[in-house]
Amino acid sequence: MRVVWLLWGFAITVWADVITLPEHFNAFFEQTVTNPKGKVIRYRGKVAYTQGNLLKWSYTEPTQKEVCTDGHEILVVDHDLEQISVYRIDKGFDLAHILKNAKPYKASVYVTEYEGKRYTVKLDKNGRLHSVAYYDDLDNKVQIGFGKMRYGKGALPVSVMRCNYPATYDIIRG
């Protein structure tokens, strides 16, 4: 009987050490970027994620912008400038990989390395994504907090994950 309890305790510990990413989620976000001199810029908006590493960030403050990515290409729609920038990215942001490889640091806090960056991930009391923090390539401290997180099953429709823009916007390929 003691062995059964030990195995059960081990199974719970192993299970608790893994961050489970849902098939999709929607949330509000606040992104704070602090440069090495201490200047802070705050962005707010909504974010959607679905399987296949599709992310759509819809910024509402301080400017209206949409950023859509599949982890390999990024599309930035700047509504103030009426322009679209399309970039192929070498170092993609693979949220599923980051969360899958995160290791417990302390209660509800996990850390991982990905593409040469260290990520700190915090979960809320329900085990859902609460925040992600890291330093970008310019040594800016980036912290993204999530609110009103809604996890779901099944993939979101492609139409929801697509950046929308008028045909009159200029397109820049980088």
Protein backbone atom coordinates (compact mmCIF):
# COMPACT_ATOMS: atom_id res chain seq x y z
CA MET A 1 0.00 0.00 0.00
CA ARG A 2 2.86 2.37 0.79
CA VAL A 3 4.24 1.82 -2.74
CA VAL A 4 0.87 2.76 -4.25
CA TRP A 5 0.84 6.04 -2.29
CA LEU A 6 4.44 6.78 -3.31
CA LEU A 7 3.63 6.13 -6.97
CA TRP A 8 0.49 8.27 -6.74
CA GLY A 9 2.49 11.09 -5.14
CA PHE A 10 5.14 10.81 -7.86
CA ALA A 11 2.48 10.89 -10.61
CA ILE A 12 0.92 14.04 -9.14
CA THR A 13 4.35 15.70 -8.89
CA VAL A 14 5.23 14.86 -12.50
CA TRP A 15 1.82 15.99 -13.73
CA ALA A 16 2.08 19.26 -11.80
CA ASP A 17 5.48 19.98 -13.36
CA VAL A 18 4.01 20.30 -16.87
CA ILE A 19 2.27 23.38 -18.25
CA THR A 20 -0.72 22.36 -20.32
CA LEU A 21 -1.39 24.53 -23.33
CA PRO A 22 -4.98 24.45 -24.54
CA GLU A 23 -6.02 23.86 -28.12
CA HIS A 24 -6.82 27.57 -28.25
CA PHE A 25 -7.14 30.60 -26.00
CA ASN A 26 -8.33 34.20 -26.06
CA ALA A 27 -7.29 36.87 -23.59
CA PHE A 28 -6.71 40.54 -22.99
CA PHE A 29 -3.05 41.46 -22.64
CA GLU A 30 -0.83 44.22 -21.36
CA GLN A 31 2.72 44.23 -22.68
CA THR A 32 5.29 46.31 -20.83
CA VAL A 33 8.63 46.96 -22.52
CA THR A 34 11.38 48.52 -20.38
CA ASN A 35 14.56 49.56 -22.14
CA PRO A 36 18.01 49.39 -20.47
CA LYS A 37 17.72 53.09 -19.51
CA GLY A 38 14.44 52.43 -17.67
CA LYS A 39 12.02 53.98 -20.19
CA VAL A 40 8.71 52.09 -20.19
CA ILE A 41 6.21 51.63 -23.02
CA ARG A 42 2.88 49.89 -22.41
CA TYR A 43 0.75 48.21 -25.02
CA ARG A 44 -2.75 46.77 -24.55
CA GLY A 45 -5.11 44.69 -26.60
CA LYS A 46 -6.40 41.19 -27.24
CA VAL A 47 -4.54 38.02 -28.16
CA ALA A 48 -5.71 34.75 -29.68
CA TYR A 49 -3.76 31.49 -29.96
CA THR A 50 -4.68 28.29 -31.74
CA GLN A 51 -2.93 25.02 -32.45
CA GLY A 52 -0.32 25.11 -35.14
CA ASN A 53 1.41 28.00 -33.39
CA LEU A 54 -0.88 30.68 -34.80
CA LEU A 55 -0.94 33.88 -32.74
CA LYS A 56 -2.88 37.07 -33.40
CA TRP A 57 -2.18 40.17 -31.32
CA SER A 58 -4.74 42.98 -31.77
CA TYR A 59 -3.22 46.11 -30.20
CA THR A 60 -5.61 48.86 -29.16
CA GLU A 61 -3.26 51.12 -27.14
CA PRO A 62 -1.24 53.25 -27.67
CA THR A 63 -1.85 52.63 -31.40
CA GLN A 64 -4.14 50.35 -33.36
CA LYS A 65 -2.12 47.50 -34.83
CA GLU A 66 -2.51 43.80 -35.61
CA VAL A 67 0.31 41.27 -35.54
CA CYS A 68 -0.26 37.78 -36.90
CA THR A 69 2.29 34.98 -36.93
CA ASP A 70 2.63 31.30 -37.58
CA GLY A 71 6.08 31.20 -35.95
CA HIS A 72 7.86 31.48 -39.31
CA GLU A 73 6.40 34.62 -40.85
CA ILE A 74 5.04 37.72 -39.20
CA LEU A 75 2.50 40.16 -40.63
CA VAL A 76 2.24 43.59 -38.97
CA VAL A 77 -0.74 45.74 -39.90
CA ASP A 78 -0.27 49.34 -38.75
CA HIS A 79 -3.63 51.04 -39.15
CA ASP A 80 -2.24 54.49 -38.24
CA LEU A 81 0.34 54.32 -41.05
CA GLU A 82 -2.00 52.36 -43.35
CA GLN A 83 0.77 49.90 -44.09
CA ILE A 84 1.49 46.20 -43.82
CA SER A 85 4.95 44.81 -43.10
CA VAL A 86 5.67 41.17 -43.87
CA TYR A 87 8.79 39.50 -42.46
CA ARG A 88 10.21 36.02 -42.55
CA ILE A 89 11.56 35.30 -39.08
CA ASP A 90 14.54 33.10 -38.35
CA LYS A 91 13.96 32.92 -34.62
CA GLY A 92 10.27 32.24 -34.33
CA PHE A 93 8.24 32.46 -31.15
CA ASP A 94 7.01 28.93 -30.50
CA LEU A 95 4.68 29.30 -27.52
CA ALA A 96 3.88 25.60 -27.39
CA HIS A 97 7.58 24.70 -27.29
CA ILE A 98 8.31 27.32 -24.61
CA LEU A 99 5.53 26.07 -22.33
CA LYS A 100 6.20 22.39 -23.00
CA ASN A 101 9.84 22.72 -21.95
CA ALA A 102 9.32 25.04 -18.98
CA LYS A 103 10.50 23.66 -15.65
CA PRO A 104 9.13 24.58 -12.21
CA TYR A 105 11.03 27.33 -10.44
CA LYS A 106 8.68 27.99 -7.53
CA ALA A 107 4.94 27.91 -6.92
CA SER A 108 3.17 28.70 -10.23
CA VAL A 109 6.41 30.02 -11.78
CA TYR A 110 8.30 28.18 -14.53
CA VAL A 111 11.47 28.96 -16.48
CA THR A 112 12.81 27.79 -19.81
CA GLU A 113 15.36 28.65 -22.49
CA TYR A 114 14.34 29.01 -26.11
CA GLU A 115 16.33 30.42 -29.05
CA GLY A 116 18.93 31.82 -26.65
CA LYS A 117 16.42 33.62 -24.45
CA ARG A 118 15.31 32.77 -20.92
CA TYR A 119 11.54 32.91 -20.41
CA THR A 120 9.77 33.13 -17.08
CA VAL A 121 6.18 31.88 -17.20
CA LYS A 122 3.64 32.40 -14.43
CA LEU A 123 0.34 30.54 -14.13
CA ASP A 124 -2.80 31.73 -12.34
CA LYS A 125 -4.53 29.81 -9.55
CA ASN A 126 -6.38 27.69 -12.15
CA GLY A 127 -3.15 26.66 -13.90
CA ARG A 128 -3.77 28.97 -16.86
CA LEU A 129 -1.24 31.26 -18.46
CA HIS A 130 -0.93 34.48 -16.43
CA SER A 131 2.26 36.12 -17.73
CA VAL A 132 5.43 35.63 -19.75
CA ALA A 133 8.62 37.65 -19.22
CA TYR A 134 11.92 37.72 -21.13
CA TYR A 135 14.65 40.02 -22.48
CA ASP A 136 14.50 40.71 -26.21
CA ASP A 137 17.42 41.04 -28.65
CA LEU A 138 17.85 44.73 -27.70
CA ASP A 139 18.10 43.95 -23.95
CA ASN A 140 14.61 45.34 -23.35
CA LYS A 141 12.74 43.66 -20.52
CA VAL A 142 9.43 42.44 -21.94
CA GLN A 143 6.57 41.37 -19.71
CA ILE A 144 3.23 40.25 -21.09
CA GLY A 145 0.36 39.87 -18.63
CA PHE A 146 -2.86 38.13 -19.58
CA GLY A 147 -6.34 38.85 -18.24
CA LYS A 148 -9.75 37.25 -18.71
CA MET A 149 -8.00 34.17 -20.12
CA ARG A 150 -10.39 31.75 -21.82
CA TYR A 151 -9.12 28.30 -22.78
CA GLY A 152 -10.98 26.22 -25.33
CA LYS A 153 -10.99 22.97 -27.24
CA GLY A 154 -10.57 22.69 -30.99
CA ALA A 155 -8.78 25.03 -33.37
CA LEU A 156 -10.05 28.56 -33.91
CA PRO A 157 -11.26 29.29 -37.45
CA VAL A 158 -8.56 30.63 -39.79
CA SER A 159 -10.69 33.74 -40.35
CA VAL A 160 -10.34 34.64 -36.64
CA MET A 161 -6.56 34.28 -36.79
CA ARG A 162 -6.09 36.32 -39.97
CA CYS A 163 -4.99 39.97 -39.87
CA ASN A 164 -7.53 42.07 -41.73
CA TYR A 165 -6.70 45.22 -43.67
CA PRO A 166 -8.00 47.29 -46.57
CA ALA A 167 -6.55 46.59 -50.04
CA THR A 168 -5.41 50.23 -50.17
CA TYR A 169 -2.70 49.76 -47.50
CA ASP A 170 0.94 49.76 -48.66
CA ILE A 171 2.74 46.42 -48.35
CA ILE A 172 6.41 46.26 -47.36
CA ARG A 173 8.24 42.95 -47.52
CA GLY A 174 11.35 42.65 -45.38
